[in-house]
Amino acid sequence: MQPQRRSYSKSFKAQVIHECAQPGASIANVALSHRLNANLVHKWIRVQAQKTTALQPAFIPLPVPPAGATSQAAASAICLEIPHPRGTVKVNWPTENAAACATFLRDLLR
């Protein structure tokens, strides 16, 4: 029978991560001072960083041309470019089907 893994409280993990973030702190030394494996502390730091970046909303400014400067063709289509790690996703959708475009984007961005 395998021994159970030890679990640590969120507050303890946060304290260890905070200690590692101090200037001049060594992750290995902080881990040793708490009798932890340095790889475990590195994992906690990675997970915390992923949570932090996942929670921050992204704002993408879109340039808006002055009124009257848009052509009829541009006014009749919804054009979007969405950056993605595998490449940019370009969407051109007729404005008369804007509700379908919204549904498509909602499903795409889940």
PDB file of N, CA and C in Angstrom:
ATOM      1  N   MET A   1       0.846  -1.187   0.000  1.00  0.00           N
ATOM      2  CA  MET A   1       0.000   0.000   0.000  1.00  0.00           C
ATOM      3  C   MET A   1       0.891   1.249   0.000  1.00  0.00           C
ATOM      4  N   GLN A   2       0.567   2.184  -0.871  1.00  0.00           N
ATOM      5  CA  GLN A   2       1.355   3.409  -0.990  1.00  0.00           C
ATOM      6  C   GLN A   2       0.989   4.386   0.120  1.00  0.00           C
ATOM      7  N   PRO A   3       1.980   5.096   0.661  1.00  0.00           N
ATOM      8  CA  PRO A   3       1.642   6.119   1.654  1.00  0.00           C
ATOM      9  C   PRO A   3       0.900   7.273   0.981  1.00  0.00           C
ATOM     10  N   GLN A   4      -0.007   7.894   1.729  1.00  0.00           N
ATOM     11  CA  GLN A   4      -0.777   9.009   1.171  1.00  0.00           C
ATOM     12  C   GLN A   4       0.120  10.228   1.000  1.00  0.00           C
ATOM     13  N   ARG A   5      -0.183  10.986  -0.031  1.00  0.00           N
ATOM     14  CA  ARG A   5       0.560  12.224  -0.259  1.00  0.00           C
ATOM     15  C   ARG A   5       0.167  13.246   0.790  1.00  0.00           C
ATOM     16  N   ARG A   6       1.116  14.042   1.138  1.00  0.00           N
ATOM     17  CA  ARG A   6       0.856  15.082   2.114  1.00  0.00           C
ATOM     18  C   ARG A   6       0.165  16.253   1.421  1.00  0.00           C
ATOM     19  N   SER A   7      -0.807  16.849   2.085  1.00  0.00           N
ATOM     20  CA  SER A   7      -1.489  18.011   1.504  1.00  0.00           C
ATOM     21  C   SER A   7      -1.138  19.249   2.318  1.00  0.00           C
ATOM     22  N   TYR A   8      -1.121  20.379   1.633  1.00  0.00           N
ATOM     23  CA  TYR A   8      -0.743  21.643   2.258  1.00  0.00           C
ATOM     24  C   TYR A   8      -1.877  22.644   2.066  1.00  0.00           C
ATOM     25  N   SER A   9      -2.070  23.478   3.053  1.00  0.00           N
ATOM     26  CA  SER A   9      -3.147  24.471   2.978  1.00  0.00           C
ATOM     27  C   SER A   9      -2.802  25.556   1.958  1.00  0.00           C
ATOM     28  N   LYS A  10      -3.834  26.211   1.466  1.00  0.00           N
ATOM     29  CA  LYS A  10      -3.636  27.304   0.513  1.00  0.00           C
ATOM     30  C   LYS A  10      -2.828  28.432   1.134  1.00  0.00           C
ATOM     31  N   SER A  11      -3.073  28.704   2.420  1.00  0.00           N
ATOM     32  CA  SER A  11      -2.343  29.792   3.082  1.00  0.00           C
ATOM     33  C   SER A  11      -0.860  29.446   3.214  1.00  0.00           C
ATOM     34  N   PHE A  12      -0.541  28.180   3.491  1.00  0.00           N
ATOM     35  CA  PHE A  12       0.857  27.768   3.591  1.00  0.00           C
ATOM     36  C   PHE A  12       1.543  27.894   2.233  1.00  0.00           C
ATOM     37  N   LYS A  13       0.863  27.445   1.163  1.00  0.00           N
ATOM     38  CA  LYS A  13       1.428  27.559  -0.179  1.00  0.00           C
ATOM     39  C   LYS A  13       1.672  29.025  -0.532  1.00  0.00           C
ATOM     40  N   ALA A  14       0.705  29.880  -0.196  1.00  0.00           N
ATOM     41  CA  ALA A  14       0.839  31.312  -0.487  1.00  0.00           C
ATOM     42  C   ALA A  14       2.021  31.905   0.266  1.00  0.00           C
ATOM     43  N   GLN A  15       2.220  31.476   1.514  1.00  0.00           N
ATOM     44  CA  GLN A  15       3.347  31.970   2.313  1.00  0.00           C
ATOM     45  C   GLN A  15       4.674  31.555   1.676  1.00  0.00           C
ATOM     46  N   VAL A  16       4.781  30.306   1.257  1.00  0.00           N
ATOM     47  CA  VAL A  16       6.017  29.811   0.641  1.00  0.00           C
ATOM     48  C   VAL A  16       6.280  30.540  -0.673  1.00  0.00           C
ATOM     49  N   ILE A  17       5.244  30.722  -1.490  1.00  0.00           N
ATOM     50  CA  ILE A  17       5.394  31.438  -2.760  1.00  0.00           C
ATOM     51  C   ILE A  17       5.831  32.876  -2.505  1.00  0.00           C
ATOM     52  N   HIS A  18       5.262  33.506  -1.483  1.00  0.00           N
ATOM     53  CA  HIS A  18       5.631  34.882  -1.135  1.00  0.00           C
ATOM     54  C   HIS A  18       7.098  34.950  -0.712  1.00  0.00           C
ATOM     55  N   GLU A  19       7.549  33.988   0.072  1.00  0.00           N
ATOM     56  CA  GLU A  19       8.953  33.963   0.499  1.00  0.00           C
ATOM     57  C   GLU A  19       9.883  33.801  -0.703  1.00  0.00           C
ATOM     58  N   CYS A  20       9.479  32.996  -1.672  1.00  0.00           N
ATOM     59  CA  CYS A  20      10.301  32.785  -2.867  1.00  0.00           C
ATOM     60  C   CYS A  20      10.386  34.047  -3.722  1.00  0.00           C
ATOM     61  N   ALA A  21       9.367  34.892  -3.646  1.00  0.00           N
ATOM     62  CA  ALA A  21       9.322  36.106  -4.462  1.00  0.00           C
ATOM     63  C   ALA A  21      10.161  37.242  -3.882  1.00  0.00           C
ATOM     64  N   GLN A  22      10.666  37.072  -2.670  1.00  0.00           N
ATOM     65  CA  GLN A  22      11.453  38.125  -2.039  1.00  0.00           C
ATOM     66  C   GLN A  22      12.791  38.288  -2.764  1.00  0.00           C
ATOM     67  N   PRO A  23      13.312  39.523  -2.836  1.00  0.00           N
ATOM     68  CA  PRO A  23      14.603  39.744  -3.504  1.00  0.00           C
ATOM     69  C   PRO A  23      15.706  38.916  -2.844  1.00  0.00           C
ATOM     70  N   GLY A  24      16.483  38.252  -3.669  1.00  0.00           N
ATOM     71  CA  GLY A  24      17.601  37.460  -3.177  1.00  0.00           C
ATOM     72  C   GLY A  24      17.221  36.088  -2.649  1.00  0.00           C
ATOM     73  N   ALA A  25      15.945  35.757  -2.662  1.00  0.00           N
ATOM     74  CA  ALA A  25      15.502  34.462  -2.141  1.00  0.00           C
ATOM     75  C   ALA A  25      15.783  33.366  -3.161  1.00  0.00           C
ATOM     76  N   SER A  26      16.190  32.228  -2.669  1.00  0.00           N
ATOM     77  CA  SER A  26      16.421  31.053  -3.501  1.00  0.00           C
ATOM     78  C   SER A  26      15.280  30.069  -3.256  1.00  0.00           C
ATOM     79  N   ILE A  27      14.681  29.600  -4.328  1.00  0.00           N
ATOM     80  CA  ILE A  27      13.564  28.660  -4.184  1.00  0.00           C
ATOM     81  C   ILE A  27      14.026  27.405  -3.459  1.00  0.00           C
ATOM     82  N   ALA A  28      15.227  26.945  -3.781  1.00  0.00           N
ATOM     83  CA  ALA A  28      15.755  25.745  -3.128  1.00  0.00           C
ATOM     84  C   ALA A  28      15.926  25.969  -1.629  1.00  0.00           C
ATOM     85  N   ASN A  29      16.449  27.137  -1.240  1.00  0.00           N
ATOM     86  CA  ASN A  29      16.642  27.420   0.189  1.00  0.00           C
ATOM     87  C   ASN A  29      15.312  27.566   0.920  1.00  0.00           C
ATOM     88  N   VAL A  30      14.353  28.222   0.291  1.00  0.00           N
ATOM     89  CA  VAL A  30      13.030  28.369   0.912  1.00  0.00           C
ATOM     90  C   VAL A  30      12.394  26.993   1.077  1.00  0.00           C
ATOM     91  N   ALA A  31      12.504  26.159   0.047  1.00  0.00           N
ATOM     92  CA  ALA A  31      11.938  24.808   0.118  1.00  0.00           C
ATOM     93  C   ALA A  31      12.588  24.014   1.249  1.00  0.00           C
ATOM     94  N   LEU A  32      13.912  24.063   1.331  1.00  0.00           N
ATOM     95  CA  LEU A  32      14.614  23.334   2.395  1.00  0.00           C
ATOM     96  C   LEU A  32      14.233  23.835   3.775  1.00  0.00           C
ATOM     97  N   SER A  33      14.042  25.140   3.910  1.00  0.00           N
ATOM     98  CA  SER A  33      13.695  25.687   5.225  1.00  0.00           C
ATOM     99  C   SER A  33      12.322  25.200   5.700  1.00  0.00           C
ATOM    100  N   HIS A  34      11.465  24.809   4.761  1.00  0.00           N
ATOM    101  CA  HIS A  34      10.136  24.284   5.108  1.00  0.00           C
ATOM    102  C   HIS A  34      10.068  22.761   4.963  1.00  0.00           C
ATOM    103  N   ARG A  35      11.218  22.141   4.719  1.00  0.00           N
ATOM    104  CA  ARG A  35      11.317  20.685   4.536  1.00  0.00           C
ATOM    105  C   ARG A  35      10.449  20.211   3.363  1.00  0.00           C
ATOM    106  N   LEU A  36      10.555  20.956   2.254  1.00  0.00           N
ATOM    107  CA  LEU A  36       9.810  20.638   1.034  1.00  0.00           C
ATOM    108  C   LEU A  36      10.782  20.333  -0.093  1.00  0.00           C
ATOM    109  N   ASN A  37      10.302  19.640  -1.102  1.00  0.00           N
ATOM    110  CA  ASN A  37      11.074  19.406  -2.310  1.00  0.00           C
ATOM    111  C   ASN A  37      10.978  20.664  -3.174  1.00  0.00           C
ATOM    112  N   ALA A  38      12.107  21.108  -3.717  1.00  0.00           N
ATOM    113  CA  ALA A  38      12.121  22.332  -4.528  1.00  0.00           C
ATOM    114  C   ALA A  38      11.230  22.199  -5.764  1.00  0.00           C
ATOM    115  N   ASN A  39      11.132  21.000  -6.332  1.00  0.00           N
ATOM    116  CA  ASN A  39      10.264  20.802  -7.505  1.00  0.00           C
ATOM    117  C   ASN A  39       8.801  21.059  -7.166  1.00  0.00           C
ATOM    118  N   LEU A  40       8.398  20.690  -5.960  1.00  0.00           N
ATOM    119  CA  LEU A  40       7.025  20.936  -5.523  1.00  0.00           C
ATOM    120  C   LEU A  40       6.756  22.441  -5.429  1.00  0.00           C
ATOM    121  N   VAL A  41       7.721  23.169  -4.881  1.00  0.00           N
ATOM    122  CA  VAL A  41       7.567  24.629  -4.759  1.00  0.00           C
ATOM    123  C   VAL A  41       7.523  25.264  -6.148  1.00  0.00           C
ATOM    124  N   HIS A  42       8.374  24.791  -7.062  1.00  0.00           N
ATOM    125  CA  HIS A  42       8.331  25.301  -8.441  1.00  0.00           C
ATOM    126  C   HIS A  42       6.951  25.069  -9.051  1.00  0.00           C
ATOM    127  N   LYS A  43       6.354  23.918  -8.792  1.00  0.00           N
ATOM    128  CA  LYS A  43       5.019  23.616  -9.315  1.00  0.00           C
ATOM    129  C   LYS A  43       3.993  24.585  -8.737  1.00  0.00           C
ATOM    130  N   TRP A  44       4.065  24.844  -7.428  1.00  0.00           N
ATOM    131  CA  TRP A  44       3.132  25.784  -6.803  1.00  0.00           C
ATOM    132  C   TRP A  44       3.246  27.158  -7.455  1.00  0.00           C
ATOM    133  N   ILE A  45       4.469  27.592  -7.737  1.00  0.00           N
ATOM    134  CA  ILE A  45       4.690  28.909  -8.352  1.00  0.00           C
ATOM    135  C   ILE A  45       4.097  28.925  -9.762  1.00  0.00           C
ATOM    136  N   ARG A  46       4.307  27.846 -10.537  1.00  0.00           N
ATOM    137  CA  ARG A  46       3.742  27.768 -11.892  1.00  0.00           C
ATOM    138  C   ARG A  46       2.223  27.809 -11.869  1.00  0.00           C
ATOM    139  N   VAL A  47       1.629  27.035 -10.977  1.00  0.00           N
ATOM    140  CA  VAL A  47       0.163  26.989 -10.881  1.00  0.00           C
ATOM    141  C   VAL A  47      -0.384  28.358 -10.493  1.00  0.00           C
ATOM    142  N   GLN A  48       0.265  29.022  -9.540  1.00  0.00           N
ATOM    143  CA  GLN A  48      -0.174  30.354  -9.115  1.00  0.00           C
ATOM    144  C   GLN A  48      -0.070  31.350 -10.266  1.00  0.00           C
ATOM    145  N   ALA A  49       1.009  31.278 -11.033  1.00  0.00           N
ATOM    146  CA  ALA A  49       1.186  32.182 -12.173  1.00  0.00           C
ATOM    147  C   ALA A  49       0.103  31.947 -13.223  1.00  0.00           C
ATOM    148  N   GLN A  50      -0.253  30.679 -13.460  1.00  0.00           N
ATOM    149  CA  GLN A  50      -1.305  30.369 -14.429  1.00  0.00           C
ATOM    150  C   GLN A  50      -2.650  30.903 -13.959  1.00  0.00           C
ATOM    151  N   LYS A  51      -2.937  30.772 -12.669  1.00  0.00           N
ATOM    152  CA  LYS A  51      -4.198  31.288 -12.133  1.00  0.00           C
ATOM    153  C   LYS A  51      -4.247  32.799 -12.257  1.00  0.00           C
ATOM    154  N   THR A  52      -3.134  33.452 -11.968  1.00  0.00           N
ATOM    155  CA  THR A  52      -3.086  34.914 -12.018  1.00  0.00           C
ATOM    156  C   THR A  52      -3.315  35.411 -13.437  1.00  0.00           C
ATOM    157  N   THR A  53      -2.649  34.797 -14.415  1.00  0.00           N
ATOM    158  CA  THR A  53      -2.827  35.253 -15.794  1.00  0.00           C
ATOM    159  C   THR A  53      -4.199  34.883 -16.332  1.00  0.00           C
ATOM    160  N   ALA A  54      -4.770  33.783 -15.872  1.00  0.00           N
ATOM    161  CA  ALA A  54      -6.100  33.383 -16.337  1.00  0.00           C
ATOM    162  C   ALA A  54      -7.178  34.321 -15.814  1.00  0.00           C
ATOM    163  N   LEU A  55      -6.955  34.930 -14.664  1.00  0.00           N
ATOM    164  CA  LEU A  55      -7.964  35.793 -14.063  1.00  0.00           C
ATOM    165  C   LEU A  55      -7.917  37.225 -14.576  1.00  0.00           C
ATOM    166  N   GLN A  56      -6.827  37.608 -15.228  1.00  0.00           N
ATOM    167  CA  GLN A  56      -6.713  38.980 -15.701  1.00  0.00           C
ATOM    168  C   GLN A  56      -7.411  39.120 -17.050  1.00  0.00           C
ATOM    169  N   PRO A  57      -8.430  39.977 -17.117  1.00  0.00           N
ATOM    170  CA  PRO A  57      -9.110  40.152 -18.398  1.00  0.00           C
ATOM    171  C   PRO A  57      -8.202  40.884 -19.384  1.00  0.00           C
ATOM    172  N   ALA A  58      -8.327  40.533 -20.622  1.00  0.00           N
ATOM    173  CA  ALA A  58      -7.522  41.171 -21.656  1.00  0.00           C
ATOM    174  C   ALA A  58      -8.361  42.233 -22.354  1.00  0.00           C
ATOM    175  N   PHE A  59      -7.768  43.377 -22.583  1.00  0.00           N
ATOM    176  CA  PHE A  59      -8.435  44.449 -23.312  1.00  0.00           C
ATOM    177  C   PHE A  59      -7.671  44.670 -24.600  1.00  0.00           C
ATOM    178  N   ILE A  60      -8.367  44.591 -25.696  1.00  0.00           N
ATOM    179  CA  ILE A  60      -7.740  44.806 -26.989  1.00  0.00           C
ATOM    180  C   ILE A  60      -8.350  46.061 -27.599  1.00  0.00           C
ATOM    181  N   PRO A  61      -7.579  47.145 -27.685  1.00  0.00           N
ATOM    182  CA  PRO A  61      -8.128  48.365 -28.274  1.00  0.00           C
ATOM    183  C   PRO A  61      -8.331  48.183 -29.783  1.00  0.00           C
ATOM    184  N   LEU A  62      -9.457  48.638 -30.256  1.00  0.00           N
ATOM    185  CA  LEU A  62      -9.759  48.573 -31.676  1.00  0.00           C
ATOM    186  C   LEU A  62      -9.819  49.986 -32.237  1.00  0.00           C
ATOM    187  N   PRO A  63      -9.073  50.254 -33.295  1.00  0.00           N
ATOM    188  CA  PRO A  63      -9.143  51.586 -33.894  1.00  0.00           C
ATOM    189  C   PRO A  63     -10.504  51.782 -34.563  1.00  0.00           C
ATOM    190  N   VAL A  64     -11.115  52.910 -34.281  1.00  0.00           N
ATOM    191  CA  VAL A  64     -12.422  53.219 -34.855  1.00  0.00           C
ATOM    192  C   VAL A  64     -12.237  54.375 -35.832  1.00  0.00           C
ATOM    193  N   PRO A  65     -12.543  54.133 -37.108  1.00  0.00           N
ATOM    194  CA  PRO A  65     -12.402  55.213 -38.082  1.00  0.00           C
ATOM    195  C   PRO A  65     -13.457  56.289 -37.830  1.00  0.00           C
ATOM    196  N   PRO A  66     -13.174  57.523 -38.214  1.00  0.00           N
ATOM    197  CA  PRO A  66     -14.151  58.601 -38.038  1.00  0.00           C
ATOM    198  C   PRO A  66     -15.439  58.302 -38.806  1.00  0.00           C
ATOM    199  N   ALA A  67     -16.539  58.860 -38.337  1.00  0.00           N
ATOM    200  CA  ALA A  67     -17.847  58.651 -38.972  1.00  0.00           C
ATOM    201  C   ALA A  67     -17.793  59.101 -40.421  1.00  0.00           C
ATOM    202  N   GLY A  68     -18.381  58.306 -41.301  1.00  0.00           N
ATOM    203  CA  GLY A  68     -18.407  58.654 -42.719  1.00  0.00           C
ATOM    204  C   GLY A  68     -17.195  58.155 -43.480  1.00  0.00           C
ATOM    205  N   ALA A  69     -16.162  57.696 -42.791  1.00  0.00           N
ATOM    206  CA  ALA A  69     -14.953  57.238 -43.468  1.00  0.00           C
ATOM    207  C   ALA A  69     -15.039  55.772 -43.872  1.00  0.00           C
ATOM    208  N   THR A  70     -16.040  55.059 -43.375  1.00  0.00           N
ATOM    209  CA  THR A  70     -16.165  53.639 -43.708  1.00  0.00           C
ATOM    210  C   THR A  70     -16.838  53.472 -45.060  1.00  0.00           C
ATOM    211  N   SER A  71     -16.416  52.473 -45.775  1.00  0.00           N
ATOM    212  CA  SER A  71     -17.034  52.203 -47.073  1.00  0.00           C
ATOM    213  C   SER A  71     -18.277  51.349 -46.871  1.00  0.00           C
ATOM    214  N   GLN A  72     -19.074  51.229 -47.903  1.00  0.00           N
ATOM    215  CA  GLN A  72     -20.299  50.432 -47.822  1.00  0.00           C
ATOM    216  C   GLN A  72     -19.955  48.961 -47.592  1.00  0.00           C
ATOM    217  N   ALA A  73     -18.878  48.465 -48.214  1.00  0.00           N
ATOM    218  CA  ALA A  73     -18.488  47.064 -48.060  1.00  0.00           C
ATOM    219  C   ALA A  73     -18.072  46.777 -46.617  1.00  0.00           C
ATOM    220  N   ALA A  74     -17.338  47.692 -46.020  1.00  0.00           N
ATOM    221  CA  ALA A  74     -16.892  47.494 -44.640  1.00  0.00           C
ATOM    222  C   ALA A  74     -18.069  47.565 -43.676  1.00  0.00           C
ATOM    223  N   ALA A  75     -19.072  48.370 -43.993  1.00  0.00           N
ATOM    224  CA  ALA A  75     -20.226  48.517 -43.115  1.00  0.00           C
ATOM    225  C   ALA A  75     -21.140  47.297 -43.192  1.00  0.00           C
ATOM    226  N   SER A  76     -21.021  46.488 -44.234  1.00  0.00           N
ATOM    227  CA  SER A  76     -21.915  45.349 -44.382  1.00  0.00           C
ATOM    228  C   SER A  76     -21.317  44.047 -43.850  1.00  0.00           C
ATOM    229  N   ALA A  77     -20.159  44.115 -43.205  1.00  0.00           N
ATOM    230  CA  ALA A  77     -19.533  42.898 -42.679  1.00  0.00           C
ATOM    231  C   ALA A  77     -18.906  43.166 -41.314  1.00  0.00           C
ATOM    232  N   ILE A  78     -18.958  42.139 -40.466  1.00  0.00           N
ATOM    233  CA  ILE A  78     -18.274  42.179 -39.171  1.00  0.00           C
ATOM    234  C   ILE A  78     -16.924  41.513 -39.396  1.00  0.00           C
ATOM    235  N   CYS A  79     -15.846  42.250 -39.179  1.00  0.00           N
ATOM    236  CA  CYS A  79     -14.494  41.728 -39.407  1.00  0.00           C
ATOM    237  C   CYS A  79     -13.736  41.717 -38.084  1.00  0.00           C
ATOM    238  N   LEU A  80     -13.258  40.546 -37.681  1.00  0.00           N
ATOM    239  CA  LEU A  80     -12.514  40.394 -36.430  1.00  0.00           C
ATOM    240  C   LEU A  80     -11.230  39.630 -36.677  1.00  0.00           C
ATOM    241  N   GLU A  81     -10.187  39.975 -35.923  1.00  0.00           N
ATOM    242  CA  GLU A  81      -8.950  39.204 -35.906  1.00  0.00           C
ATOM    243  C   GLU A  81      -8.672  38.865 -34.452  1.00  0.00           C
ATOM    244  N   ILE A  82      -8.589  37.561 -34.148  1.00  0.00           N
ATOM    245  CA  ILE A  82      -8.400  37.102 -32.775  1.00  0.00           C
ATOM    246  C   ILE A  82      -7.053  36.394 -32.694  1.00  0.00           C
ATOM    247  N   PRO A  83      -6.092  36.938 -31.903  1.00  0.00           N
ATOM    248  CA  PRO A  83      -4.794  36.263 -31.781  1.00  0.00           C
ATOM    249  C   PRO A  83      -4.944  34.950 -31.018  1.00  0.00           C
ATOM    250  N   HIS A  84      -4.230  33.935 -31.459  1.00  0.00           N
ATOM    251  CA  HIS A  84      -4.270  32.606 -30.839  1.00  0.00           C
ATOM    252  C   HIS A  84      -2.849  32.044 -30.906  1.00  0.00           C
ATOM    253  N   PRO A  85      -2.459  31.213 -29.947  1.00  0.00           N
ATOM    254  CA  PRO A  85      -1.095  30.663 -29.974  1.00  0.00           C
ATOM    255  C   PRO A  85      -0.745  29.935 -31.280  1.00  0.00           C
ATOM    256  N   ARG A  86      -1.723  29.357 -31.946  1.00  0.00           N
ATOM    257  CA  ARG A  86      -1.449  28.640 -33.196  1.00  0.00           C
ATOM    258  C   ARG A  86      -1.565  29.532 -34.426  1.00  0.00           C
ATOM    259  N   GLY A  87      -1.953  30.771 -34.262  1.00  0.00           N
ATOM    260  CA  GLY A  87      -2.098  31.697 -35.380  1.00  0.00           C
ATOM    261  C   GLY A  87      -3.301  32.590 -35.175  1.00  0.00           C
ATOM    262  N   THR A  88      -3.427  33.606 -35.991  1.00  0.00           N
ATOM    263  CA  THR A  88      -4.526  34.554 -35.875  1.00  0.00           C
ATOM    264  C   THR A  88      -5.785  33.985 -36.521  1.00  0.00           C
ATOM    265  N   VAL A  89      -6.905  34.112 -35.807  1.00  0.00           N
ATOM    266  CA  VAL A  89      -8.202  33.683 -36.331  1.00  0.00           C
ATOM    267  C   VAL A  89      -8.885  34.917 -36.914  1.00  0.00           C
ATOM    268  N   LYS A  90      -9.214  34.868 -38.207  1.00  0.00           N
ATOM    269  CA  LYS A  90      -9.885  35.985 -38.871  1.00  0.00           C
ATOM    270  C   LYS A  90     -11.325  35.591 -39.151  1.00  0.00           C
ATOM    271  N   VAL A  91     -12.245  36.460 -38.745  1.00  0.00           N
ATOM    272  CA  VAL A  91     -13.674  36.198 -38.928  1.00  0.00           C
ATOM    273  C   VAL A  91     -14.279  37.348 -39.723  1.00  0.00           C
ATOM    274  N   ASN A  92     -14.944  37.018 -40.820  1.00  0.00           N
ATOM    275  CA  ASN A  92     -15.723  37.982 -41.607  1.00  0.00           C
ATOM    276  C   ASN A  92     -17.153  37.470 -41.623  1.00  0.00           C
ATOM    277  N   TRP A  93     -18.072  38.265 -41.074  1.00  0.00           N
ATOM    278  CA  TRP A  93     -19.454  37.814 -40.910  1.00  0.00           C
ATOM    279  C   TRP A  93     -20.388  38.921 -41.398  1.00  0.00           C
ATOM    280  N   PRO A  94     -21.435  38.588 -42.146  1.00  0.00           N
ATOM    281  CA  PRO A  94     -22.381  39.619 -42.597  1.00  0.00           C
ATOM    282  C   PRO A  94     -23.088  40.271 -41.403  1.00  0.00           C
ATOM    283  N   THR A  95     -23.262  41.583 -41.450  1.00  0.00           N
ATOM    284  CA  THR A  95     -23.877  42.294 -40.324  1.00  0.00           C
ATOM    285  C   THR A  95     -25.327  41.900 -40.114  1.00  0.00           C
ATOM    286  N   GLU A  96     -26.003  41.451 -41.158  1.00  0.00           N
ATOM    287  CA  GLU A  96     -27.400  41.057 -40.970  1.00  0.00           C
ATOM    288  C   GLU A  96     -27.530  39.778 -40.140  1.00  0.00           C
ATOM    289  N   ASN A  97     -26.437  39.049 -39.944  1.00  0.00           N
ATOM    290  CA  ASN A  97     -26.436  37.846 -39.104  1.00  0.00           C
ATOM    291  C   ASN A  97     -25.589  38.064 -37.851  1.00  0.00           C
ATOM    292  N   ALA A  98     -25.674  39.237 -37.264  1.00  0.00           N
ATOM    293  CA  ALA A  98     -24.848  39.574 -36.098  1.00  0.00           C
ATOM    294  C   ALA A  98     -25.119  38.650 -34.913  1.00  0.00           C
ATOM    295  N   ALA A  99     -26.365  38.232 -34.720  1.00  0.00           N
ATOM    296  CA  ALA A  99     -26.688  37.335 -33.603  1.00  0.00           C
ATOM    297  C   ALA A  99     -25.983  35.995 -33.772  1.00  0.00           C
ATOM    298  N   ALA A 100     -25.940  35.476 -34.988  1.00  0.00           N
ATOM    299  CA  ALA A 100     -25.240  34.212 -35.248  1.00  0.00           C
ATOM    300  C   ALA A 100     -23.741  34.380 -35.018  1.00  0.00           C
ATOM    301  N   CYS A 101     -23.210  35.536 -35.373  1.00  0.00           N
ATOM    302  CA  CYS A 101     -21.792  35.825 -35.132  1.00  0.00           C
ATOM    303  C   CYS A 101     -21.498  35.821 -33.635  1.00  0.00           C
ATOM    304  N   ALA A 102     -22.378  36.433 -32.852  1.00  0.00           N
ATOM    305  CA  ALA A 102     -22.198  36.467 -31.397  1.00  0.00           C
ATOM    306  C   ALA A 102     -22.219  35.058 -30.815  1.00  0.00           C
ATOM    307  N   THR A 103     -23.125  34.219 -31.292  1.00  0.00           N
ATOM    308  CA  THR A 103     -23.194  32.823 -30.828  1.00  0.00           C
ATOM    309  C   THR A 103     -21.918  32.077 -31.195  1.00  0.00           C
ATOM    310  N   PHE A 104     -21.457  32.261 -32.423  1.00  0.00           N
ATOM    311  CA  PHE A 104     -20.223  31.618 -32.880  1.00  0.00           C
ATOM    312  C   PHE A 104     -19.040  32.031 -32.005  1.00  0.00           C
ATOM    313  N   LEU A 105     -18.895  33.326 -31.748  1.00  0.00           N
ATOM    314  CA  LEU A 105     -17.780  33.816 -30.936  1.00  0.00           C
ATOM    315  C   LEU A 105     -17.869  33.315 -29.501  1.00  0.00           C
ATOM    316  N   ARG A 106     -19.078  33.273 -28.949  1.00  0.00           N
ATOM    317  CA  ARG A 106     -19.267  32.766 -27.588  1.00  0.00           C
ATOM    318  C   ARG A 106     -18.772  31.324 -27.490  1.00  0.00           C
ATOM    319  N   ASP A 107     -19.142  30.501 -28.476  1.00  0.00           N
ATOM    320  CA  ASP A 107     -18.712  29.098 -28.489  1.00  0.00           C
ATOM    321  C   ASP A 107     -17.211  28.979 -28.734  1.00  0.00           C
ATOM    322  N   LEU A 108     -16.676  29.816 -29.604  1.00  0.00           N
ATOM    323  CA  LEU A 108     -15.251  29.778 -29.932  1.00  0.00           C
ATOM    324  C   LEU A 108     -14.384  30.151 -28.736  1.00  0.00           C
ATOM    325  N   LEU A 109     -14.821  31.122 -27.971  1.00  0.00           N
ATOM    326  CA  LEU A 109     -13.995  31.656 -26.882  1.00  0.00           C
ATOM    327  C   LEU A 109     -14.192  30.944 -25.557  1.00  0.00           C
ATOM    328  N   ARG A 110     -14.928  29.861 -25.525  1.00  0.00           N
ATOM    329  CA  ARG A 110     -15.100  29.093 -24.282  1.00  0.00           C
ATOM    330  C   ARG A 110     -13.853  28.393 -23.901  1.00  0.00           C
TER     331      ARG A 110
END
